[in-house]
Amino acid sequence: MRLVSLLCILVVGISQCLAEKRILALLENLAVKETHSIFFSMLNRHGFSVTYKVADDSTLQIKKYGEFVYDHIVVFAPTVEEFGGSLNADMITEFIDNGGNILITGNSNTGEVLREIASECGFEVDEEGTNVIDHLNFDAKDTGHHTLVVADPKDFIKSELITGGVKSPLLYRGTGILADPGNPLVLEVLTGSSTSYSANPEQPIKEYPHAVGKNTVLIAGLQARNNARVIFSGSLEFFSDEFFNAEVAKGNGKAVAAGNAEFAEALTLWCFKERGVLRVDSINHHLVGETSPPDFYTIRENVEFEINVVEKKDGSWVPFKGQDVQVEFVRIDPFVRATMKNVNGRVSAQFKIPDVYGVYQFKVNYLRLGLTRIQTSTQVSVRPLRHDQYERFISSAYPYYASAFSMMGGVFLFAIVFLYYKEDEGKKKAE
């Protein structure tokens, strides 16, 4: 019987792991599967189950019986104008709102449906026919328009969780992207150099380009408030076997291996939440020296708040090592804000409850670049002191005590004098 139970637990665990790694790959055509075979082999190597579909397949659907049947979507169909079946931009937006992750690639002729999705995510794809051009940073194999751009590592986003710590230059050929500077959720994963711009290489430039210099985004990202992740690349070739195996040589410089393969792998694993994912396993609060939470707290008591945080690394959960997690004790506004100590994933802080009673919340709101957001709220009641908990004598009240006792003493003396003092009868008659 015990063996059967263990087998059932094992089956459930395996099914849950597999359920988190279902990918729908929407392709321009089935030839893309061959031209990008290294990328898809990488997904298979990391345990993902990939379903391949042509983007305009009439049987296409990602939702059945009210549930999404895929966890992640890869769109390698840059010129598609409309998805097939029941799939559309609104369905993709709903998929992201439900926590799904999506990797999209465009090119100089990005289709309308992908532009609509990009707009919903906070970035804008440049006009049709445009390419990123850089007259100072282009590869030696460029055909003359300087559209085969070499991206330097200094233009990567400053997060090794996203970039994988790649130090090699990258090859890029595709359109430019404009990111919304007012959207704090948008990430500029890879930008052009200060000499890059996005324009149509076949036509003379008569108007100022939309994307110029560092504002020219080559790969944009989004981590939504529900921790869903979106990557939008302006180049499908960036993920191709040709670019993965290519060598980069600027001008007459020495040729070095392109870092596209390593960068794409790290970026994809981040997008599909195999990297940079935090999880709160438990939350506890109690008085210092105790282990279980009370029904309520009393003002001026010493309290300890702790959470256990783990991070996903290489497919397994390990204790989180961050030392900058803070907790707030909030009643409308924070009364206490404390940086917690991290001991092997157990993050805790001790503080004294304010001398103000009411309904409070222990709040943790932790957001760092490349990591999923931790947002927790635990409500507790804080009561005033009971009548027998107040101090009986306090030093600041000694003058009042003295005046009260002096008054009592004066009344006592006055009563004695008034009651027992008697004038001499002879003296009274003489008068």
Protein backbone atom coordinates (compact mmCIF):
# COMPACT_ATOMS: atom_id res chain seq x y z
CA MET A 1 0.00 0.00 0.00
CA ARG A 2 2.83 2.33 0.87
CA LEU A 3 4.51 1.53 -2.46
CA VAL A 4 1.33 2.44 -4.33
CA SER A 5 1.15 5.76 -2.47
CA LEU A 6 4.76 6.56 -3.30
CA LEU A 7 4.17 5.75 -6.97
CA CYS A 8 1.10 8.01 -7.02
CA ILE A 9 3.09 10.86 -5.49
CA LEU A 10 5.89 10.32 -8.03
CA VAL A 11 3.44 10.34 -10.96
CA VAL A 12 1.77 13.52 -9.71
CA GLY A 13 5.15 15.22 -9.26
CA ILE A 14 6.33 14.27 -12.74
CA SER A 15 3.05 15.40 -14.32
CA GLN A 16 3.28 18.77 -12.56
CA CYS A 17 6.85 19.26 -13.80
CA LEU A 18 5.83 18.40 -17.36
CA ALA A 19 2.74 20.63 -17.11
CA GLU A 20 5.01 23.65 -16.55
CA LYS A 21 7.09 23.00 -19.70
CA ARG A 22 4.55 22.86 -22.53
CA ILE A 23 5.54 25.12 -25.43
CA LEU A 24 3.58 26.02 -28.54
CA ALA A 25 5.93 27.03 -31.37
CA LEU A 26 4.17 29.08 -34.07
CA LEU A 27 6.29 29.06 -37.23
CA GLU A 28 6.27 31.07 -40.45
CA ASN A 29 6.55 27.73 -42.22
CA LEU A 30 7.90 24.33 -41.33
CA ALA A 31 11.28 25.23 -42.84
CA VAL A 32 11.90 27.46 -39.82
CA LYS A 33 12.13 24.31 -37.72
CA GLU A 34 15.19 23.33 -39.77
CA THR A 35 16.84 26.75 -39.98
CA HIS A 36 16.48 27.18 -36.18
CA SER A 37 17.12 23.58 -35.17
CA ILE A 38 19.81 24.46 -32.59
CA PHE A 39 17.38 26.68 -30.73
CA PHE A 40 14.66 24.02 -30.63
CA SER A 41 17.20 21.37 -29.66
CA MET A 42 18.15 23.57 -26.73
CA LEU A 43 14.50 23.65 -25.61
CA ASN A 44 14.28 19.86 -25.81
CA ARG A 45 17.55 19.53 -23.89
CA HIS A 46 16.08 21.54 -21.03
CA GLY A 47 13.05 19.27 -20.81
CA PHE A 48 10.48 21.35 -22.67
CA SER A 49 7.75 19.64 -24.66
CA VAL A 50 7.43 21.57 -27.94
CA THR A 51 4.38 21.46 -30.22
CA TYR A 52 5.03 22.87 -33.71
CA LYS A 53 2.29 24.65 -35.65
CA VAL A 54 2.19 26.96 -38.65
CA ALA A 55 1.03 30.36 -37.41
CA ASP A 56 -1.99 30.53 -39.72
CA ASP A 57 -3.13 26.93 -39.09
CA SER A 58 -6.94 26.91 -39.11
CA THR A 59 -7.05 24.41 -36.21
CA LEU A 60 -4.97 26.58 -33.92
CA GLN A 61 -6.19 26.97 -30.33
CA ILE A 62 -4.45 27.47 -27.01
CA LYS A 63 -7.43 27.18 -24.68
CA LYS A 64 -9.75 24.24 -24.02
CA TYR A 65 -12.54 23.97 -21.47
CA GLY A 66 -11.55 27.30 -19.96
CA GLU A 67 -7.91 26.27 -19.39
CA PHE A 68 -4.80 27.13 -21.37
CA VAL A 69 -3.18 24.01 -22.75
CA TYR A 70 0.30 25.57 -23.07
CA ASP A 71 2.55 27.30 -20.56
CA HIS A 72 4.76 29.16 -23.03
CA ILE A 73 4.50 30.33 -26.65
CA VAL A 74 7.27 30.89 -29.20
CA VAL A 75 6.31 32.95 -32.26
CA PHE A 76 8.81 32.55 -35.10
CA ALA A 77 6.43 33.94 -37.73
CA PRO A 78 7.36 37.61 -38.14
CA THR A 79 5.29 38.40 -41.23
CA VAL A 80 2.02 36.75 -40.15
CA GLU A 81 -0.90 39.17 -40.45
CA GLU A 82 -3.45 37.04 -38.58
CA PHE A 83 -3.18 33.87 -36.55
CA GLY A 84 -5.23 30.87 -37.56
CA GLY A 85 -8.08 29.25 -35.65
CA SER A 86 -9.33 31.03 -32.52
CA LEU A 87 -5.97 32.65 -31.76
CA ASN A 88 -5.68 36.43 -31.95
CA ALA A 89 -4.00 39.34 -30.17
CA ASP A 90 -6.69 39.47 -27.49
CA MET A 91 -6.20 35.77 -26.74
CA ILE A 92 -2.44 36.29 -26.46
CA THR A 93 -3.04 39.19 -24.05
CA GLU A 94 -5.34 36.99 -21.97
CA PHE A 95 -2.67 34.29 -22.01
CA ILE A 96 -0.13 36.77 -20.58
CA ASP A 97 -2.65 38.03 -18.00
CA ASN A 98 -3.09 34.42 -16.92
CA GLY A 99 0.65 34.10 -16.24
CA GLY A 100 1.81 32.66 -19.56
CA ASN A 101 5.19 33.55 -21.08
CA ILE A 102 5.83 34.37 -24.71
CA LEU A 103 8.86 34.83 -26.99
CA ILE A 104 8.16 36.74 -30.22
CA THR A 105 10.43 37.59 -33.13
CA GLY A 106 9.87 40.13 -35.87
CA ASN A 107 11.80 41.42 -38.87
CA SER A 108 11.71 44.35 -41.24
CA ASN A 109 8.21 43.28 -42.38
CA THR A 110 6.61 42.53 -39.01
CA GLY A 111 2.94 41.59 -39.35
CA GLU A 112 0.03 43.57 -37.94
CA VAL A 113 -0.97 41.06 -35.27
CA LEU A 114 2.55 41.07 -33.79
CA ARG A 115 2.58 44.86 -33.80
CA GLU A 116 -0.68 44.83 -31.87
CA ILE A 117 0.73 42.42 -29.29
CA ALA A 118 3.87 44.57 -28.95
CA SER A 119 1.74 47.66 -28.39
CA GLU A 120 -0.18 45.88 -25.63
CA CYS A 121 3.12 45.03 -23.94
CA GLY A 122 4.53 48.55 -23.94
CA PHE A 123 6.74 48.68 -27.03
CA GLU A 124 6.35 49.70 -30.65
CA VAL A 125 7.87 48.06 -33.73
CA ASP A 126 9.31 50.48 -36.29
CA GLU A 127 7.70 51.00 -39.67
CA GLU A 128 7.59 48.30 -42.32
CA GLY A 129 10.75 48.00 -44.41
CA THR A 130 13.05 49.49 -41.78
CA ASN A 131 16.24 47.89 -40.48
CA VAL A 132 18.65 48.77 -37.72
CA ILE A 133 21.67 50.44 -39.35
CA ASP A 134 25.04 51.16 -37.78
CA HIS A 135 27.81 52.55 -39.99
CA LEU A 136 30.48 52.03 -37.33
CA ASN A 137 29.50 48.68 -35.82
CA PHE A 138 28.77 46.24 -38.63
CA ASP A 139 30.10 42.81 -39.50
CA ALA A 140 32.65 42.20 -42.24
CA LYS A 141 30.13 39.96 -44.05
CA ASP A 142 27.69 42.87 -44.47
CA THR A 143 26.54 43.44 -48.05
CA GLY A 144 26.89 47.22 -48.00
CA HIS A 145 23.84 48.61 -46.20
CA HIS A 146 25.43 48.09 -42.78
CA THR A 147 22.35 46.24 -41.52
CA LEU A 148 24.31 43.25 -40.21
CA VAL A 149 24.93 44.94 -36.88
CA VAL A 150 27.44 43.82 -34.24
CA ALA A 151 26.02 44.36 -30.73
CA ASP A 152 28.62 44.97 -28.05
CA PRO A 153 28.26 43.44 -24.55
CA LYS A 154 28.22 46.94 -23.04
CA ASP A 155 24.78 47.40 -24.62
CA PHE A 156 23.29 44.40 -22.77
CA ILE A 157 20.91 44.88 -19.87
CA LYS A 158 22.83 44.83 -16.57
CA SER A 159 21.55 41.49 -15.33
CA GLU A 160 23.38 38.19 -15.68
CA LEU A 161 20.15 36.36 -14.88
CA ILE A 162 18.82 37.58 -18.23
CA THR A 163 21.98 37.65 -20.34
CA GLY A 164 23.76 34.66 -18.82
CA GLY A 165 26.92 36.71 -18.38
CA VAL A 166 27.77 36.53 -22.10
CA LYS A 167 30.85 38.59 -22.98
CA SER A 168 30.99 37.91 -26.74
CA PRO A 169 29.55 40.28 -29.38
CA LEU A 170 26.25 39.41 -31.02
CA LEU A 171 25.05 39.46 -34.61
CA TYR A 172 21.76 41.19 -35.33
CA ARG A 173 19.81 41.89 -38.49
CA GLY A 174 16.28 43.13 -38.12
CA THR A 175 14.03 46.07 -37.30
CA GLY A 176 14.22 48.46 -34.39
CA ILE A 177 11.87 48.66 -31.43
CA LEU A 178 10.79 51.66 -29.39
CA ALA A 179 10.19 51.06 -25.67
CA ASP A 180 7.78 53.11 -23.59
CA PRO A 181 10.03 55.08 -21.19
CA GLY A 182 7.11 55.66 -18.83
CA ASN A 183 6.41 51.95 -18.35
CA PRO A 184 8.44 50.61 -15.39
CA LEU A 185 7.70 47.01 -16.38
CA VAL A 186 9.46 47.23 -19.77
CA LEU A 187 13.07 46.03 -20.03
CA GLU A 188 15.54 47.11 -22.71
CA VAL A 189 17.36 43.78 -22.95
CA LEU A 190 19.59 44.73 -25.89
CA THR A 191 20.00 48.21 -27.35
CA GLY A 192 21.87 49.57 -30.30
CA SER A 193 25.04 51.61 -29.95
CA SER A 194 25.03 55.41 -29.87
CA THR A 195 25.68 55.42 -33.65
CA SER A 196 22.78 53.14 -34.60
CA TYR A 197 19.39 54.10 -36.00
CA SER A 198 16.41 52.43 -37.66
CA ALA A 199 15.51 53.33 -41.23
CA ASN A 200 14.83 51.87 -44.66
CA PRO A 201 18.26 51.15 -46.20
CA GLU A 202 16.84 51.25 -49.73
CA GLN A 203 15.48 54.80 -49.49
CA PRO A 204 17.02 58.18 -48.68
CA ILE A 205 16.27 59.52 -45.20
CA LYS A 206 14.00 62.58 -45.46
CA GLU A 207 12.62 62.57 -41.91
CA TYR A 208 14.28 62.08 -38.56
CA PRO A 209 14.22 58.33 -37.75
CA HIS A 210 11.91 57.10 -34.98
CA ALA A 211 14.68 55.15 -33.25
CA VAL A 212 18.13 56.71 -32.91
CA GLY A 213 21.16 55.84 -30.79
CA LYS A 214 20.54 54.15 -27.45
CA ASN A 215 16.79 54.55 -27.99
CA THR A 216 17.06 51.89 -30.69
CA VAL A 217 16.02 48.73 -28.87
CA LEU A 218 16.95 45.45 -30.56
CA ILE A 219 15.36 43.10 -27.99
CA ALA A 220 12.73 44.32 -25.55
CA GLY A 221 11.28 42.52 -22.56
CA LEU A 222 8.41 42.79 -20.14
CA GLN A 223 7.84 41.31 -16.72
CA ALA A 224 4.20 41.93 -15.85
CA ARG A 225 2.87 42.50 -12.35
CA ASN A 226 1.77 38.85 -12.26
CA ASN A 227 5.38 37.88 -13.14
CA ALA A 228 4.45 36.78 -16.67
CA ARG A 229 7.37 37.42 -19.03
CA VAL A 230 7.46 38.60 -22.64
CA ILE A 231 10.47 38.89 -24.96
CA PHE A 232 10.14 40.67 -28.30
CA SER A 233 13.10 40.51 -30.68
CA GLY A 234 13.18 42.57 -33.85
CA SER A 235 15.17 39.80 -35.58
CA LEU A 236 14.20 36.22 -36.35
CA GLU A 237 17.71 35.57 -37.69
CA PHE A 238 19.13 36.31 -34.25
CA PHE A 239 17.94 32.80 -33.18
CA SER A 240 18.96 31.01 -36.40
CA ASP A 241 21.56 28.30 -36.79
CA GLU A 242 23.48 30.58 -39.14
CA PHE A 243 23.94 33.27 -36.48
CA PHE A 244 24.52 30.72 -33.70
CA ASN A 245 27.47 29.27 -35.63
CA ALA A 246 28.73 32.55 -37.10
CA GLU A 247 31.90 34.45 -36.38
CA VAL A 248 31.95 38.19 -35.82
CA ALA A 249 34.55 40.50 -37.29
CA LYS A 250 34.19 44.29 -37.28
CA GLY A 251 36.09 45.95 -40.12
CA ASN A 252 39.53 44.37 -40.35
CA GLY A 253 39.42 43.07 -36.77
CA LYS A 254 40.00 39.50 -35.68
CA ALA A 255 37.06 37.15 -36.09
CA VAL A 256 35.56 35.78 -32.84
CA ALA A 257 32.67 33.41 -32.25
CA ALA A 258 29.30 35.13 -31.94
CA GLY A 259 27.61 34.86 -28.56
CA ASN A 260 24.10 34.49 -30.01
CA ALA A 261 23.66 30.87 -28.93
CA GLU A 262 24.61 31.47 -25.28
CA PHE A 263 22.69 34.74 -25.11
CA ALA A 264 19.56 33.25 -26.70
CA GLU A 265 19.66 30.26 -24.36
CA ALA A 266 19.96 32.42 -21.23
CA LEU A 267 17.29 34.81 -22.50
CA THR A 268 14.86 32.01 -23.35
CA LEU A 269 15.34 30.23 -20.02
CA TRP A 270 14.71 33.52 -18.24
CA CYS A 271 11.61 34.19 -20.34
CA PHE A 272 10.23 30.71 -19.61
CA LYS A 273 10.94 31.06 -15.86
CA GLU A 274 13.80 28.60 -15.58
CA ARG A 275 15.97 31.40 -14.18
CA GLY A 276 15.36 34.31 -11.85
CA VAL A 277 12.26 32.88 -10.16
CA LEU A 278 11.64 33.39 -6.44
CA ARG A 279 9.09 31.54 -4.32
CA VAL A 280 7.91 32.10 -0.76
CA ASP A 281 7.57 28.74 0.97
CA SER A 282 6.30 29.93 4.34
CA ILE A 283 5.50 33.06 6.36
CA ASN A 284 5.57 33.25 10.14
CA HIS A 285 5.36 35.96 12.79
CA HIS A 286 5.46 35.71 16.57
CA LEU A 287 6.71 37.36 19.72
CA VAL A 288 10.46 37.23 20.27
CA GLY A 289 11.25 34.03 22.12
CA GLU A 290 8.11 32.23 20.96
CA THR A 291 7.35 30.14 17.87
CA SER A 292 3.63 30.47 17.11
CA PRO A 293 1.66 33.60 16.18
CA PRO A 294 -0.64 35.00 18.90
CA ASP A 295 -4.28 35.97 18.37
CA PHE A 296 -3.29 39.61 18.72
CA TYR A 297 -0.32 41.76 19.64
CA THR A 298 -0.06 44.49 22.26
CA ILE A 299 1.67 47.82 21.72
CA ARG A 300 5.39 48.00 22.50
CA GLU A 301 5.89 44.23 22.27
CA ASN A 302 8.97 42.82 20.49
CA VAL A 303 7.94 40.86 17.42
CA GLU A 304 9.80 38.71 14.89
CA PHE A 305 8.70 38.30 11.26
CA GLU A 306 10.22 35.67 8.98
CA ILE A 307 9.70 34.25 5.49
CA ASN A 308 11.43 31.35 3.76
CA VAL A 309 12.43 32.23 0.20
CA VAL A 310 13.82 29.85 -2.43
CA GLU A 311 15.19 30.52 -5.91
CA LYS A 312 14.97 28.33 -8.99
CA LYS A 313 18.41 27.42 -10.34
CA ASP A 314 19.19 24.70 -12.88
CA GLY A 315 15.73 23.20 -12.47
CA SER A 316 15.85 22.88 -8.68
CA TRP A 317 14.86 25.13 -5.78
CA VAL A 318 17.69 26.37 -3.57
CA PRO A 319 17.72 28.87 -0.66
CA PHE A 320 17.70 32.49 -1.80
CA LYS A 321 20.88 34.39 -0.89
CA GLY A 322 19.68 38.01 -1.20
CA GLN A 323 20.49 40.30 1.73
CA ASP A 324 18.33 43.30 0.82
CA VAL A 325 14.78 42.09 1.51
CA GLN A 326 12.77 44.55 3.61
CA VAL A 327 9.58 44.22 5.66
CA GLU A 328 7.17 47.04 6.45
CA PHE A 329 4.71 47.20 9.35
CA VAL A 330 1.89 49.20 7.83
CA ARG A 331 -1.23 50.88 9.13
CA ILE A 332 -2.20 53.07 6.16
CA ASP A 333 1.45 54.23 6.15
CA PRO A 334 4.52 52.26 7.23
CA PHE A 335 5.27 52.67 10.95
CA VAL A 336 8.31 50.38 10.74
CA ARG A 337 10.61 49.50 7.83
CA ALA A 338 13.40 47.03 8.52
CA THR A 339 15.99 45.21 6.40
CA MET A 340 15.81 41.49 7.15
CA LYS A 341 18.70 39.13 7.75
CA ASN A 342 19.03 36.13 5.45
CA VAL A 343 20.31 32.88 6.93
CA ASN A 344 20.21 30.12 4.29
CA GLY A 345 16.92 31.32 2.82
CA ARG A 346 15.29 32.12 6.19
CA VAL A 347 14.76 35.88 6.00
CA SER A 348 13.80 37.49 9.31
CA ALA A 349 13.69 40.75 11.23
CA GLN A 350 12.90 41.79 14.82
CA PHE A 351 11.41 45.12 15.86
CA LYS A 352 9.23 46.73 18.53
CA ILE A 353 5.55 47.29 17.74
CA PRO A 354 4.70 51.03 17.70
CA ASP A 355 2.86 52.69 20.60
CA VAL A 356 -0.24 53.02 18.40
CA TYR A 357 -2.92 50.34 18.32
CA GLY A 358 -4.99 49.35 15.29
CA VAL A 359 -5.01 46.87 12.38
CA TYR A 360 -1.57 46.44 10.81
CA GLN A 361 -0.04 44.43 7.99
CA PHE A 362 3.37 42.83 7.63
CA LYS A 363 4.24 43.71 4.00
CA VAL A 364 7.07 42.47 1.82
CA ASN A 365 7.40 43.96 -1.66
CA TYR A 366 10.69 42.81 -3.19
CA LEU A 367 11.51 43.57 -6.82
CA ARG A 368 14.96 43.34 -8.35
CA LEU A 369 16.05 43.30 -11.98
CA GLY A 370 15.87 39.79 -13.41
CA LEU A 371 13.95 38.31 -10.47
CA THR A 372 10.25 37.71 -10.07
CA ARG A 373 8.45 39.97 -7.62
CA ILE A 374 7.78 38.86 -4.05
CA GLN A 375 4.65 40.53 -2.71
CA THR A 376 3.11 39.33 0.54
CA SER A 377 0.72 40.86 3.07
CA THR A 378 -0.17 39.43 6.50
CA GLN A 379 -2.77 41.21 8.61
CA VAL A 380 -2.59 41.35 12.43
CA SER A 381 -4.35 43.22 15.24
CA VAL A 382 -2.53 45.42 17.74
CA ARG A 383 -4.36 46.22 20.99
CA PRO A 384 -3.65 48.84 23.69
CA LEU A 385 -2.39 47.85 27.12
CA ARG A 386 -4.85 46.28 29.54
CA HIS A 387 -5.68 48.24 32.71
CA ASP A 388 -3.27 46.10 34.74
CA GLN A 389 -0.40 46.48 32.26
CA TYR A 390 0.24 50.18 32.72
CA GLU A 391 3.10 51.36 34.95
CA ARG A 392 1.89 52.38 38.41
CA PHE A 393 4.44 55.07 39.10
CA ILE A 394 6.38 56.95 36.48
CA SER A 395 9.16 59.41 37.23
CA SER A 396 7.72 62.24 35.15
CA ALA A 397 4.61 62.27 37.36
CA TYR A 398 6.48 62.66 40.66
CA PRO A 399 5.65 66.42 40.94
CA TYR A 400 1.98 65.60 40.61
CA TYR A 401 2.28 62.82 43.15
CA ALA A 402 4.00 65.29 45.54
CA SER A 403 1.32 67.96 45.06
CA ALA A 404 -1.46 65.44 45.67
CA PHE A 405 0.10 64.07 48.86
CA SER A 406 0.96 67.59 50.07
CA MET A 407 -2.66 68.63 49.59
CA MET A 408 -3.82 65.54 51.50
CA GLY A 409 -1.36 66.36 54.29
CA GLY A 410 -2.54 69.97 54.42
CA VAL A 411 -6.19 68.95 54.65
CA PHE A 412 -5.32 66.48 57.42
CA LEU A 413 -3.49 69.16 59.42
CA PHE A 414 -6.29 71.66 58.83
CA ALA A 415 -8.85 69.12 60.07
CA ILE A 416 -6.84 68.46 63.25
CA VAL A 417 -6.46 72.17 63.94
CA PHE A 418 -10.10 72.89 63.20
CA LEU A 419 -11.43 70.06 65.34
CA TYR A 420 -9.11 70.20 68.30
CA TYR A 421 -8.07 73.81 68.65
CA LYS A 422 -10.11 75.71 71.35
CA GLU A 423 -9.76 79.34 72.45
CA ASP A 424 -9.25 80.18 76.15
CA GLU A 425 -12.67 80.93 77.86
CA GLY A 426 -11.25 83.65 80.14
CA LYS A 427 -9.73 85.53 77.29
CA LYS A 428 -12.99 85.27 75.38
CA LYS A 429 -15.02 86.77 78.30
CA ALA A 430 -12.53 89.59 78.77
CA GLU A 431 -13.06 90.59 75.23
